[in-house]
């Protein structure tokens, strides 16, 4: 069982929420408050978590790529007119940072034209669009520990970051009712992510130490927590661009070392520079995002990165280790 968020504040002594009470006392009013949410990319790391969290209290429709391809304007408008959603949540995207450097056509179609289609069609059917963006829209040149704010000017270093910056512009120019969520360093039980990679590498029997960059900094963010924040933004009527990452920060090296320690994996690990890795795409070193607007509006549910990671590893650590051992054989 996942640990519930702020249980003492959101539940009474019998475990009932205010929403439970509303459902019981006036189900007709509750039905009116329920939203119809169309999720794109629902099988991915974040999309699957959003589907699970949002479907608990709202109607979720999650077509696969064959049922709705966001690069087809005709397909998007047809689906939105058919479904008539209150919200379109776009978790789809070309997220392989290095592959983006070589796959310009596909990246533009999926990361720019797709969101533009969703924005235009959402406006046509008068529904809200939520679009997921990234810390990679910034160049990461701010001196540590200064974070990036929502109104800082984007200056991406990579093709991936540039495509996400252009996707934000497409959304703002075509939808009057949108939420853009910039986040980063995501991990979760589904999909590829840093936590799974470190567990897999840590369990390998090898003579050389595991080398991890100690000069790139960010805020490890659990997809479950991000899904809860998206739900809060929806239900509180958020509009605009929001930075949404865990509180606090660490280096990649500190992050990896903490994962191995908490899971009891005895692996040799040593720090190095991000420049030591021969990658196609240049990465920002300072990936810190300040959740300023969430805090200003009093709707942040984000927690310290270690607290969420502790909960995640306690809940799914054994599963991750078993999966990693299966990969070895």
C-alpha atoms as a PDB file:
ATOM      1  CA  UNK A   1       0.000   0.000   0.000  1.00  0.00           C
ATOM      2  CA  UNK A   2       1.234   3.481  -0.849  1.00  0.00           C
ATOM      3  CA  UNK A   3       1.482   5.956   1.983  1.00  0.00           C
ATOM      4  CA  UNK A   4      -1.355   8.486   1.765  1.00  0.00           C
ATOM      5  CA  UNK A   5      -0.488  12.161   1.509  1.00  0.00           C
ATOM      6  CA  UNK A   6      -0.952  14.345   4.632  1.00  0.00           C
ATOM      7  CA  UNK A   7      -3.311  11.755   6.086  1.00  0.00           C
ATOM      8  CA  UNK A   8      -3.949  13.586   9.347  1.00  0.00           C
ATOM      9  CA  UNK A   9      -5.014  16.744   7.532  1.00  0.00           C
ATOM     10  CA  UNK A  10      -7.102  15.208   4.773  1.00  0.00           C
ATOM     11  CA  UNK A  11      -8.895  12.508   6.789  1.00  0.00           C
ATOM     12  CA  UNK A  12     -11.016  12.501   9.938  1.00  0.00           C
ATOM     13  CA  UNK A  13     -10.507  10.055  12.813  1.00  0.00           C
ATOM     14  CA  UNK A  14     -12.544   7.389  10.986  1.00  0.00           C
ATOM     15  CA  UNK A  15     -10.442   7.717   7.834  1.00  0.00           C
ATOM     16  CA  UNK A  16     -13.040   9.612   5.793  1.00  0.00           C
ATOM     17  CA  UNK A  17     -12.138  12.568   3.595  1.00  0.00           C
ATOM     18  CA  UNK A  18     -14.265  15.615   2.957  1.00  0.00           C
ATOM     19  CA  UNK A  19     -14.741  14.267  -0.563  1.00  0.00           C
ATOM     20  CA  UNK A  20     -16.022  10.948   0.842  1.00  0.00           C
ATOM     21  CA  UNK A  21     -18.549  12.912   2.859  1.00  0.00           C
ATOM     22  CA  UNK A  22     -19.639  14.866  -0.213  1.00  0.00           C
ATOM     23  CA  UNK A  23     -20.052  11.650  -2.221  1.00  0.00           C
ATOM     24  CA  UNK A  24     -22.269  10.211   0.521  1.00  0.00           C
ATOM     25  CA  UNK A  25     -24.380  13.293   1.272  1.00  0.00           C
ATOM     26  CA  UNK A  26     -24.901  14.571  -2.254  1.00  0.00           C
ATOM     27  CA  UNK A  27     -23.874  12.140  -5.001  1.00  0.00           C
ATOM     28  CA  UNK A  28     -25.436  14.351  -7.698  1.00  0.00           C
ATOM     29  CA  UNK A  29     -23.190  17.260  -6.738  1.00  0.00           C
ATOM     30  CA  UNK A  30     -20.213  14.913  -6.655  1.00  0.00           C
ATOM     31  CA  UNK A  31     -20.965  13.653 -10.167  1.00  0.00           C
ATOM     32  CA  UNK A  32     -20.941  17.248 -11.380  1.00  0.00           C
ATOM     33  CA  UNK A  33     -17.486  17.767  -9.852  1.00  0.00           C
ATOM     34  CA  UNK A  34     -16.025  14.683 -11.538  1.00  0.00           C
ATOM     35  CA  UNK A  35     -13.948  15.459 -14.598  1.00  0.00           C
ATOM     36  CA  UNK A  36     -13.529  13.506 -17.822  1.00  0.00           C
ATOM     37  CA  UNK A  37      -9.781  13.334 -18.405  1.00  0.00           C
ATOM     38  CA  UNK A  38      -8.146  12.159 -21.625  1.00  0.00           C
ATOM     39  CA  UNK A  39      -4.573  10.963 -20.988  1.00  0.00           C
ATOM     40  CA  UNK A  40      -2.002  10.605 -23.766  1.00  0.00           C
ATOM     41  CA  UNK A  41       1.043   8.448 -23.049  1.00  0.00           C
ATOM     42  CA  UNK A  42      -0.800   6.510 -20.337  1.00  0.00           C
ATOM     43  CA  UNK A  43       1.543   3.507 -20.465  1.00  0.00           C
ATOM     44  CA  UNK A  44       4.680   5.528 -19.713  1.00  0.00           C
ATOM     45  CA  UNK A  45       6.362   6.186 -16.369  1.00  0.00           C
ATOM     46  CA  UNK A  46       4.341   9.303 -15.535  1.00  0.00           C
ATOM     47  CA  UNK A  47       1.245   8.593 -17.614  1.00  0.00           C
ATOM     48  CA  UNK A  48       0.566   5.256 -15.927  1.00  0.00           C
ATOM     49  CA  UNK A  49       0.818   6.877 -12.490  1.00  0.00           C
ATOM     50  CA  UNK A  50      -1.503   9.712 -13.526  1.00  0.00           C
ATOM     51  CA  UNK A  51      -3.999   7.182 -14.857  1.00  0.00           C
ATOM     52  CA  UNK A  52      -3.997   5.331 -11.540  1.00  0.00           C
ATOM     53  CA  UNK A  53      -4.237   8.432  -9.352  1.00  0.00           C
ATOM     54  CA  UNK A  54      -6.773  10.398 -11.389  1.00  0.00           C
ATOM     55  CA  UNK A  55      -9.093   7.451 -12.056  1.00  0.00           C
ATOM     56  CA  UNK A  56      -9.782   7.142  -8.322  1.00  0.00           C
ATOM     57  CA  UNK A  57     -12.066  10.190  -8.415  1.00  0.00           C
ATOM     58  CA  UNK A  58     -12.466  11.120 -12.073  1.00  0.00           C
ATOM     59  CA  UNK A  59     -13.369   9.456 -15.363  1.00  0.00           C
ATOM     60  CA  UNK A  60     -10.176   8.637 -17.233  1.00  0.00           C
ATOM     61  CA  UNK A  61      -9.954   7.752 -20.921  1.00  0.00           C
ATOM     62  CA  UNK A  62      -6.542   6.471 -21.977  1.00  0.00           C
ATOM     63  CA  UNK A  63      -6.276   5.657 -25.698  1.00  0.00           C
ATOM     64  CA  UNK A  64      -3.145   3.957 -26.990  1.00  0.00           C
ATOM     65  CA  UNK A  65      -1.097   5.310 -29.893  1.00  0.00           C
ATOM     66  CA  UNK A  66      -3.053   3.266 -32.436  1.00  0.00           C
ATOM     67  CA  UNK A  67      -6.309   4.759 -31.139  1.00  0.00           C
ATOM     68  CA  UNK A  68      -4.975   8.330 -31.047  1.00  0.00           C
ATOM     69  CA  UNK A  69      -1.718   9.544 -32.565  1.00  0.00           C
ATOM     70  CA  UNK A  70      -1.068  13.129 -31.467  1.00  0.00           C
ATOM     71  CA  UNK A  71       0.868  13.967 -34.656  1.00  0.00           C
ATOM     72  CA  UNK A  72      -2.376  13.693 -36.642  1.00  0.00           C
ATOM     73  CA  UNK A  73      -4.431  16.898 -36.332  1.00  0.00           C
ATOM     74  CA  UNK A  74      -7.457  15.203 -37.912  1.00  0.00           C
ATOM     75  CA  UNK A  75      -7.177  12.266 -35.543  1.00  0.00           C
ATOM     76  CA  UNK A  76      -6.886  14.543 -32.505  1.00  0.00           C
ATOM     77  CA  UNK A  77      -9.867  16.751 -33.344  1.00  0.00           C
ATOM     78  CA  UNK A  78     -11.999  13.707 -34.195  1.00  0.00           C
ATOM     79  CA  UNK A  79     -11.187  12.017 -30.863  1.00  0.00           C
ATOM     80  CA  UNK A  80     -11.716  15.150 -28.790  1.00  0.00           C
ATOM     81  CA  UNK A  81     -15.061  15.858 -30.438  1.00  0.00           C
ATOM     82  CA  UNK A  82     -16.077  12.240 -29.853  1.00  0.00           C
ATOM     83  CA  UNK A  83     -14.986  12.121 -26.177  1.00  0.00           C
ATOM     84  CA  UNK A  84     -15.666  15.756 -25.236  1.00  0.00           C
ATOM     85  CA  UNK A  85     -13.197  15.750 -22.308  1.00  0.00           C
ATOM     86  CA  UNK A  86     -12.895  18.385 -19.603  1.00  0.00           C
ATOM     87  CA  UNK A  87      -9.112  17.924 -19.579  1.00  0.00           C
ATOM     88  CA  UNK A  88      -6.457  16.618 -21.954  1.00  0.00           C
ATOM     89  CA  UNK A  89      -3.299  15.484 -20.149  1.00  0.00           C
ATOM     90  CA  UNK A  90      -0.296  15.078 -22.447  1.00  0.00           C
ATOM     91  CA  UNK A  91       2.296  12.704 -20.986  1.00  0.00           C
ATOM     92  CA  UNK A  92       3.448  11.561 -24.440  1.00  0.00           C
ATOM     93  CA  UNK A  93       6.817  12.617 -25.775  1.00  0.00           C
ATOM     94  CA  UNK A  94      10.156  11.712 -27.344  1.00  0.00           C
ATOM     95  CA  UNK A  95      12.266  11.646 -24.162  1.00  0.00           C
ATOM     96  CA  UNK A  96      15.497   9.889 -25.195  1.00  0.00           C
ATOM     97  CA  UNK A  97      17.778  12.909 -24.812  1.00  0.00           C
ATOM     98  CA  UNK A  98      20.680  11.536 -26.857  1.00  0.00           C
ATOM     99  CA  UNK A  99      18.514  10.042 -29.618  1.00  0.00           C
ATOM    100  CA  UNK A 100      16.874  13.455 -30.033  1.00  0.00           C
ATOM    101  CA  UNK A 101      20.173  14.755 -31.426  1.00  0.00           C
ATOM    102  CA  UNK A 102      19.839  12.408 -34.427  1.00  0.00           C
ATOM    103  CA  UNK A 103      16.077  12.009 -34.867  1.00  0.00           C
ATOM    104  CA  UNK A 104      15.152  15.582 -35.753  1.00  0.00           C
ATOM    105  CA  UNK A 105      12.062  14.726 -37.827  1.00  0.00           C
ATOM    106  CA  UNK A 106      10.511  12.395 -35.237  1.00  0.00           C
ATOM    107  CA  UNK A 107      11.358  14.748 -32.370  1.00  0.00           C
ATOM    108  CA  UNK A 108       9.673  17.692 -34.070  1.00  0.00           C
ATOM    109  CA  UNK A 109       6.585  15.635 -34.922  1.00  0.00           C
ATOM    110  CA  UNK A 110       6.131  14.197 -31.415  1.00  0.00           C
ATOM    111  CA  UNK A 111       7.462  16.972 -29.158  1.00  0.00           C
ATOM    112  CA  UNK A 112       6.319  20.073 -31.060  1.00  0.00           C
ATOM    113  CA  UNK A 113       3.641  19.333 -33.647  1.00  0.00           C
ATOM    114  CA  UNK A 114       1.852  16.883 -31.335  1.00  0.00           C
ATOM    115  CA  UNK A 115       1.432  19.405 -28.484  1.00  0.00           C
ATOM    116  CA  UNK A 116       0.425  22.081 -31.031  1.00  0.00           C
ATOM    117  CA  UNK A 117      -2.319  19.781 -32.342  1.00  0.00           C
ATOM    118  CA  UNK A 118      -3.511  19.090 -28.805  1.00  0.00           C
ATOM    119  CA  UNK A 119      -3.510  22.808 -27.958  1.00  0.00           C
ATOM    120  CA  UNK A 120      -5.433  23.811 -31.074  1.00  0.00           C
ATOM    121  CA  UNK A 121      -7.982  21.019 -30.742  1.00  0.00           C
ATOM    122  CA  UNK A 122      -8.396  21.518 -26.987  1.00  0.00           C
ATOM    123  CA  UNK A 123      -9.225  25.146 -27.668  1.00  0.00           C
ATOM    124  CA  UNK A 124     -11.749  24.076 -30.317  1.00  0.00           C
ATOM    125  CA  UNK A 125     -13.633  21.826 -27.881  1.00  0.00           C
ATOM    126  CA  UNK A 126     -13.075  24.247 -24.960  1.00  0.00           C
ATOM    127  CA  UNK A 127     -11.210  21.977 -22.563  1.00  0.00           C
ATOM    128  CA  UNK A 128      -8.091  22.425 -20.445  1.00  0.00           C
ATOM    129  CA  UNK A 129      -4.734  21.135 -21.687  1.00  0.00           C
ATOM    130  CA  UNK A 130      -2.010  19.947 -19.316  1.00  0.00           C
ATOM    131  CA  UNK A 131       1.392  19.600 -20.966  1.00  0.00           C
ATOM    132  CA  UNK A 132       4.501  18.081 -19.360  1.00  0.00           C
ATOM    133  CA  UNK A 133       7.781  19.908 -19.947  1.00  0.00           C
ATOM    134  CA  UNK A 134      11.271  19.712 -18.485  1.00  0.00           C
ATOM    135  CA  UNK A 135      14.138  21.357 -16.617  1.00  0.00           C
ATOM    136  CA  UNK A 136      16.155  20.895 -19.832  1.00  0.00           C
ATOM    137  CA  UNK A 137      14.594  24.050 -21.301  1.00  0.00           C
ATOM    138  CA  UNK A 138      17.258  25.877 -19.224  1.00  0.00           C
ATOM    139  CA  UNK A 139      21.019  25.860 -19.783  1.00  0.00           C
ATOM    140  CA  UNK A 140      21.868  25.058 -16.157  1.00  0.00           C
ATOM    141  CA  UNK A 141      24.476  27.817 -15.937  1.00  0.00           C
ATOM    142  CA  UNK A 142      23.093  29.472 -12.808  1.00  0.00           C
ATOM    143  CA  UNK A 143      25.482  29.290  -9.876  1.00  0.00           C
ATOM    144  CA  UNK A 144      24.539  26.583  -7.389  1.00  0.00           C
ATOM    145  CA  UNK A 145      22.357  26.490  -5.368  1.00  0.00           C
ATOM    146  CA  UNK A 146      20.305  29.140  -7.214  1.00  0.00           C
ATOM    147  CA  UNK A 147      17.221  27.538  -8.807  1.00  0.00           C
ATOM    148  CA  UNK A 148      15.329  28.390 -11.968  1.00  0.00           C
ATOM    149  CA  UNK A 149      11.970  30.145 -11.643  1.00  0.00           C
ATOM    150  CA  UNK A 150       8.910  29.941 -13.875  1.00  0.00           C
ATOM    151  CA  UNK A 151       9.628  33.346 -15.445  1.00  0.00           C
ATOM    152  CA  UNK A 152      13.313  32.711 -16.203  1.00  0.00           C
ATOM    153  CA  UNK A 153      14.144  32.798 -19.915  1.00  0.00           C
ATOM    154  CA  UNK A 154      14.639  29.315 -21.429  1.00  0.00           C
ATOM    155  CA  UNK A 155      17.965  28.631 -23.118  1.00  0.00           C
ATOM    156  CA  UNK A 156      18.223  24.908 -23.921  1.00  0.00           C
ATOM    157  CA  UNK A 157      21.516  23.151 -24.617  1.00  0.00           C
ATOM    158  CA  UNK A 158      20.151  20.097 -26.442  1.00  0.00           C
ATOM    159  CA  UNK A 159      17.777  19.182 -29.260  1.00  0.00           C
ATOM    160  CA  UNK A 160      15.493  17.637 -26.634  1.00  0.00           C
ATOM    161  CA  UNK A 161      15.456  20.819 -24.545  1.00  0.00           C
ATOM    162  CA  UNK A 162      14.859  22.950 -27.634  1.00  0.00           C
ATOM    163  CA  UNK A 163      11.923  20.772 -28.723  1.00  0.00           C
ATOM    164  CA  UNK A 164      10.325  21.058 -25.272  1.00  0.00           C
ATOM    165  CA  UNK A 165      10.812  24.834 -25.271  1.00  0.00           C
ATOM    166  CA  UNK A 166       9.091  25.001 -28.659  1.00  0.00           C
ATOM    167  CA  UNK A 167       6.305  22.747 -27.356  1.00  0.00           C
ATOM    168  CA  UNK A 168       5.663  25.229 -24.551  1.00  0.00           C
ATOM    169  CA  UNK A 169       5.425  28.070 -27.069  1.00  0.00           C
ATOM    170  CA  UNK A 170       3.003  26.014 -29.190  1.00  0.00           C
ATOM    171  CA  UNK A 171       0.770  25.395 -26.176  1.00  0.00           C
ATOM    172  CA  UNK A 172       0.747  29.031 -25.044  1.00  0.00           C
ATOM    173  CA  UNK A 173       0.046  30.347 -28.550  1.00  0.00           C
ATOM    174  CA  UNK A 174      -2.851  27.986 -29.245  1.00  0.00           C
ATOM    175  CA  UNK A 175      -4.630  27.255 -25.967  1.00  0.00           C
ATOM    176  CA  UNK A 176      -6.251  29.857 -23.682  1.00  0.00           C
ATOM    177  CA  UNK A 177      -6.690  27.300 -20.885  1.00  0.00           C
ATOM    178  CA  UNK A 178      -3.490  25.389 -20.199  1.00  0.00           C
ATOM    179  CA  UNK A 179      -1.127  24.149 -17.511  1.00  0.00           C
ATOM    180  CA  UNK A 180       2.519  23.592 -18.399  1.00  0.00           C
ATOM    181  CA  UNK A 181       4.374  21.520 -15.824  1.00  0.00           C
ATOM    182  CA  UNK A 182       8.153  21.665 -15.839  1.00  0.00           C
ATOM    183  CA  UNK A 183       9.702  18.806 -13.932  1.00  0.00           C
ATOM    184  CA  UNK A 184      12.804  16.631 -13.966  1.00  0.00           C
ATOM    185  CA  UNK A 185      14.765  13.712 -12.529  1.00  0.00           C
ATOM    186  CA  UNK A 186      11.640  11.541 -12.532  1.00  0.00           C
ATOM    187  CA  UNK A 187      11.601   7.998 -11.171  1.00  0.00           C
ATOM    188  CA  UNK A 188       8.808   5.500 -10.662  1.00  0.00           C
ATOM    189  CA  UNK A 189       7.879   1.843 -10.684  1.00  0.00           C
ATOM    190  CA  UNK A 190       7.200   1.872 -14.438  1.00  0.00           C
ATOM    191  CA  UNK A 191       9.490   2.762 -17.319  1.00  0.00           C
ATOM    192  CA  UNK A 192      13.229   3.406 -17.493  1.00  0.00           C
ATOM    193  CA  UNK A 193      14.725   5.740 -14.890  1.00  0.00           C
ATOM    194  CA  UNK A 194      17.859   6.513 -12.877  1.00  0.00           C
ATOM    195  CA  UNK A 195      16.836   4.497  -9.796  1.00  0.00           C
ATOM    196  CA  UNK A 196      16.335   1.314 -11.830  1.00  0.00           C
ATOM    197  CA  UNK A 197      19.585   1.905 -13.703  1.00  0.00           C
ATOM    198  CA  UNK A 198      21.615   2.288 -10.494  1.00  0.00           C
ATOM    199  CA  UNK A 199      20.039  -0.819  -8.942  1.00  0.00           C
ATOM    200  CA  UNK A 200      20.840  -2.847 -12.070  1.00  0.00           C
ATOM    201  CA  UNK A 201      24.429  -1.569 -12.296  1.00  0.00           C
ATOM    202  CA  UNK A 202      24.972  -1.939  -8.558  1.00  0.00           C
ATOM    203  CA  UNK A 203      24.073  -5.628  -8.645  1.00  0.00           C
ATOM    204  CA  UNK A 204      26.499  -6.441 -11.456  1.00  0.00           C
ATOM    205  CA  UNK A 205      29.670  -8.251 -10.434  1.00  0.00           C
ATOM    206  CA  UNK A 206      32.452  -6.123 -11.855  1.00  0.00           C
ATOM    207  CA  UNK A 207      35.961  -5.096 -10.864  1.00  0.00           C
ATOM    208  CA  UNK A 208      35.601  -1.416 -11.745  1.00  0.00           C
ATOM    209  CA  UNK A 209      33.697   0.996  -9.507  1.00  0.00           C
ATOM    210  CA  UNK A 210      30.405   2.477 -10.613  1.00  0.00           C
ATOM    211  CA  UNK A 211      31.166   6.045 -11.762  1.00  0.00           C
ATOM    212  CA  UNK A 212      28.467   8.711 -11.305  1.00  0.00           C
ATOM    213  CA  UNK A 213      28.610  12.462 -11.945  1.00  0.00           C
ATOM    214  CA  UNK A 214      28.982  14.645  -8.870  1.00  0.00           C
ATOM    215  CA  UNK A 215      28.687  17.949 -10.771  1.00  0.00           C
ATOM    216  CA  UNK A 216      25.095  17.684 -11.992  1.00  0.00           C
ATOM    217  CA  UNK A 217      22.433  18.666  -9.456  1.00  0.00           C
ATOM    218  CA  UNK A 218      18.673  18.223  -9.361  1.00  0.00           C
ATOM    219  CA  UNK A 219      15.662  17.134  -7.324  1.00  0.00           C
ATOM    220  CA  UNK A 220      14.716  13.434  -7.664  1.00  0.00           C
ATOM    221  CA  UNK A 221      10.933  13.444  -8.153  1.00  0.00           C
ATOM    222  CA  UNK A 222       8.584  10.476  -7.688  1.00  0.00           C
ATOM    223  CA  UNK A 223       6.002  10.140 -10.456  1.00  0.00           C
ATOM    224  CA  UNK A 224       3.356   9.243  -7.865  1.00  0.00           C
ATOM    225  CA  UNK A 225       3.940  12.562  -6.079  1.00  0.00           C
ATOM    226  CA  UNK A 226       3.847  14.427  -9.383  1.00  0.00           C
ATOM    227  CA  UNK A 227       0.539  12.725 -10.267  1.00  0.00           C
ATOM    228  CA  UNK A 228      -0.883  13.894  -6.938  1.00  0.00           C
ATOM    229  CA  UNK A 229       0.264  17.437  -7.709  1.00  0.00           C
ATOM    230  CA  UNK A 230      -1.347  17.322 -11.150  1.00  0.00           C
ATOM    231  CA  UNK A 231      -4.587  16.218  -9.490  1.00  0.00           C
ATOM    232  CA  UNK A 232      -4.337  19.113  -7.029  1.00  0.00           C
ATOM    233  CA  UNK A 233      -3.699  21.612  -9.825  1.00  0.00           C
ATOM    234  CA  UNK A 234      -6.726  20.347 -11.716  1.00  0.00           C
ATOM    235  CA  UNK A 235      -9.073  20.407  -8.761  1.00  0.00           C
ATOM    236  CA  UNK A 236      -7.886  23.852  -7.627  1.00  0.00           C
ATOM    237  CA  UNK A 237      -8.195  25.342 -11.117  1.00  0.00           C
ATOM    238  CA  UNK A 238      -4.535  26.031 -11.793  1.00  0.00           C
ATOM    239  CA  UNK A 239      -3.583  27.900 -14.965  1.00  0.00           C
ATOM    240  CA  UNK A 240      -0.168  28.782 -16.386  1.00  0.00           C
ATOM    241  CA  UNK A 241       3.366  27.424 -16.062  1.00  0.00           C
ATOM    242  CA  UNK A 242       4.383  25.623 -12.873  1.00  0.00           C
ATOM    243  CA  UNK A 243       7.705  24.213 -11.711  1.00  0.00           C
ATOM    244  CA  UNK A 244       6.980  20.900 -10.030  1.00  0.00           C
ATOM    245  CA  UNK A 245       9.831  18.911  -8.521  1.00  0.00           C
ATOM    246  CA  UNK A 246      10.617  17.453  -5.110  1.00  0.00           C
ATOM    247  CA  UNK A 247      11.952  19.804  -2.440  1.00  0.00           C
ATOM    248  CA  UNK A 248      15.679  19.837  -1.770  1.00  0.00           C
ATOM    249  CA  UNK A 249      18.423  18.703  -4.142  1.00  0.00           C
ATOM    250  CA  UNK A 250      21.445  16.460  -4.530  1.00  0.00           C
ATOM    251  CA  UNK A 251      24.101  15.502  -7.057  1.00  0.00           C
ATOM    252  CA  UNK A 252      23.734  12.427  -9.252  1.00  0.00           C
ATOM    253  CA  UNK A 253      26.499  10.812  -7.191  1.00  0.00           C
ATOM    254  CA  UNK A 254      24.748  11.521  -3.869  1.00  0.00           C
ATOM    255  CA  UNK A 255      21.504  10.224  -5.365  1.00  0.00           C
ATOM    256  CA  UNK A 256      23.080   6.955  -6.524  1.00  0.00           C
ATOM    257  CA  UNK A 257      24.963   6.432  -3.273  1.00  0.00           C
ATOM    258  CA  UNK A 258      21.764   6.935  -1.274  1.00  0.00           C
ATOM    259  CA  UNK A 259      19.830   4.408  -3.403  1.00  0.00           C
ATOM    260  CA  UNK A 260      22.491   1.713  -2.988  1.00  0.00           C
ATOM    261  CA  UNK A 261      22.808   2.350   0.746  1.00  0.00           C
ATOM    262  CA  UNK A 262      19.060   2.244   1.422  1.00  0.00           C
ATOM    263  CA  UNK A 263      18.654  -0.999  -0.524  1.00  0.00           C
ATOM    264  CA  UNK A 264      21.691  -2.615   1.100  1.00  0.00           C
ATOM    265  CA  UNK A 265      23.479  -3.120  -2.212  1.00  0.00           C
ATOM    266  CA  UNK A 266      27.201  -3.415  -1.609  1.00  0.00           C
ATOM    267  CA  UNK A 267      28.698  -1.844  -4.711  1.00  0.00           C
ATOM    268  CA  UNK A 268      31.806   0.250  -5.236  1.00  0.00           C
ATOM    269  CA  UNK A 269      30.916   3.749  -6.393  1.00  0.00           C
ATOM    270  CA  UNK A 270      33.064   6.793  -7.124  1.00  0.00           C
ATOM    271  CA  UNK A 271      32.358  10.397  -8.222  1.00  0.00           C
ATOM    272  CA  UNK A 272      33.327  11.795 -11.593  1.00  0.00           C
ATOM    273  CA  UNK A 273      32.464  14.709 -13.886  1.00  0.00           C
ATOM    274  CA  UNK A 274      29.505  14.789 -16.257  1.00  0.00           C
ATOM    275  CA  UNK A 275      32.078  15.685 -18.926  1.00  0.00           C
ATOM    276  CA  UNK A 276      33.640  12.222 -18.532  1.00  0.00           C
ATOM    277  CA  UNK A 277      30.620  10.635 -20.219  1.00  0.00           C
ATOM    278  CA  UNK A 278      30.651  10.705 -24.005  1.00  0.00           C
ATOM    279  CA  UNK A 279      27.044  11.652 -24.688  1.00  0.00           C
ATOM    280  CA  UNK A 280      25.536  13.045 -27.885  1.00  0.00           C
ATOM    281  CA  UNK A 281      23.499  15.676 -26.049  1.00  0.00           C
ATOM    282  CA  UNK A 282      24.888  18.321 -23.742  1.00  0.00           C
ATOM    283  CA  UNK A 283      23.190  18.348 -20.333  1.00  0.00           C
ATOM    284  CA  UNK A 284      22.633  21.229 -17.888  1.00  0.00           C
ATOM    285  CA  UNK A 285      24.572  20.901 -14.634  1.00  0.00           C
ATOM    286  CA  UNK A 286      22.155  22.918 -12.487  1.00  0.00           C
ATOM    287  CA  UNK A 287      18.705  21.336 -12.895  1.00  0.00           C
ATOM    288  CA  UNK A 288      17.124  22.973  -9.844  1.00  0.00           C
ATOM    289  CA  UNK A 289      13.558  24.242 -10.300  1.00  0.00           C
ATOM    290  CA  UNK A 290      11.864  26.329  -7.614  1.00  0.00           C
ATOM    291  CA  UNK A 291       8.172  25.500  -7.120  1.00  0.00           C
ATOM    292  CA  UNK A 292       7.455  29.182  -6.569  1.00  0.00           C
ATOM    293  CA  UNK A 293       4.007  29.440  -8.142  1.00  0.00           C
ATOM    294  CA  UNK A 294       2.707  26.300  -6.404  1.00  0.00           C
ATOM    295  CA  UNK A 295       3.801  27.728  -3.063  1.00  0.00           C
ATOM    296  CA  UNK A 296       2.482  31.198  -3.839  1.00  0.00           C
ATOM    297  CA  UNK A 297      -0.956  29.728  -4.605  1.00  0.00           C
ATOM    298  CA  UNK A 298      -0.818  27.465  -1.547  1.00  0.00           C
ATOM    299  CA  UNK A 299      -1.378  24.261  -3.525  1.00  0.00           C
ATOM    300  CA  UNK A 300       1.992  22.481  -3.361  1.00  0.00           C
ATOM    301  CA  UNK A 301       1.922  18.848  -2.241  1.00  0.00           C
ATOM    302  CA  UNK A 302       5.580  18.220  -3.104  1.00  0.00           C
ATOM    303  CA  UNK A 303       7.820  16.749  -0.397  1.00  0.00           C
ATOM    304  CA  UNK A 304      11.530  16.455   0.335  1.00  0.00           C
ATOM    305  CA  UNK A 305      13.218  14.149  -2.182  1.00  0.00           C
ATOM    306  CA  UNK A 306      14.618  11.832   0.495  1.00  0.00           C
ATOM    307  CA  UNK A 307      11.244  11.331   2.180  1.00  0.00           C
ATOM    308  CA  UNK A 308       9.580  10.309  -1.072  1.00  0.00           C
ATOM    309  CA  UNK A 309      12.531   8.166  -2.148  1.00  0.00           C
ATOM    310  CA  UNK A 310      12.513   6.402   1.235  1.00  0.00           C
ATOM    311  CA  UNK A 311       8.820   5.580   0.796  1.00  0.00           C
ATOM    312  CA  UNK A 312       9.346   4.443  -2.784  1.00  0.00           C
ATOM    313  CA  UNK A 313      12.301   2.174  -1.948  1.00  0.00           C
ATOM    314  CA  UNK A 314      10.496   0.691   1.051  1.00  0.00           C
ATOM    315  CA  UNK A 315       7.471  -0.079  -1.121  1.00  0.00           C
ATOM    316  CA  UNK A 316       9.170  -1.176  -4.344  1.00  0.00           C
ATOM    317  CA  UNK A 317      12.825  -1.888  -3.466  1.00  0.00           C
ATOM    318  CA  UNK A 318      12.485  -5.679  -3.457  1.00  0.00           C
ATOM    319  CA  UNK A 319      10.604  -5.572  -6.753  1.00  0.00           C
ATOM    320  CA  UNK A 320      13.348  -3.465  -8.367  1.00  0.00           C
ATOM    321  CA  UNK A 321      16.059  -5.825  -7.134  1.00  0.00           C
ATOM    322  CA  UNK A 322      14.200  -8.881  -8.452  1.00  0.00           C
ATOM    323  CA  UNK A 323      13.704  -7.219 -11.845  1.00  0.00           C
ATOM    324  CA  UNK A 324      17.401  -6.263 -12.003  1.00  0.00           C
ATOM    325  CA  UNK A 325      18.505  -9.831 -11.181  1.00  0.00           C
ATOM    326  CA  UNK A 326      16.259 -11.217 -13.916  1.00  0.00           C
ATOM    327  CA  UNK A 327      17.995  -8.902 -16.420  1.00  0.00           C
ATOM    328  CA  UNK A 328      21.366 -10.358 -15.436  1.00  0.00           C
ATOM    329  CA  UNK A 329      20.350 -13.868 -16.527  1.00  0.00           C
END
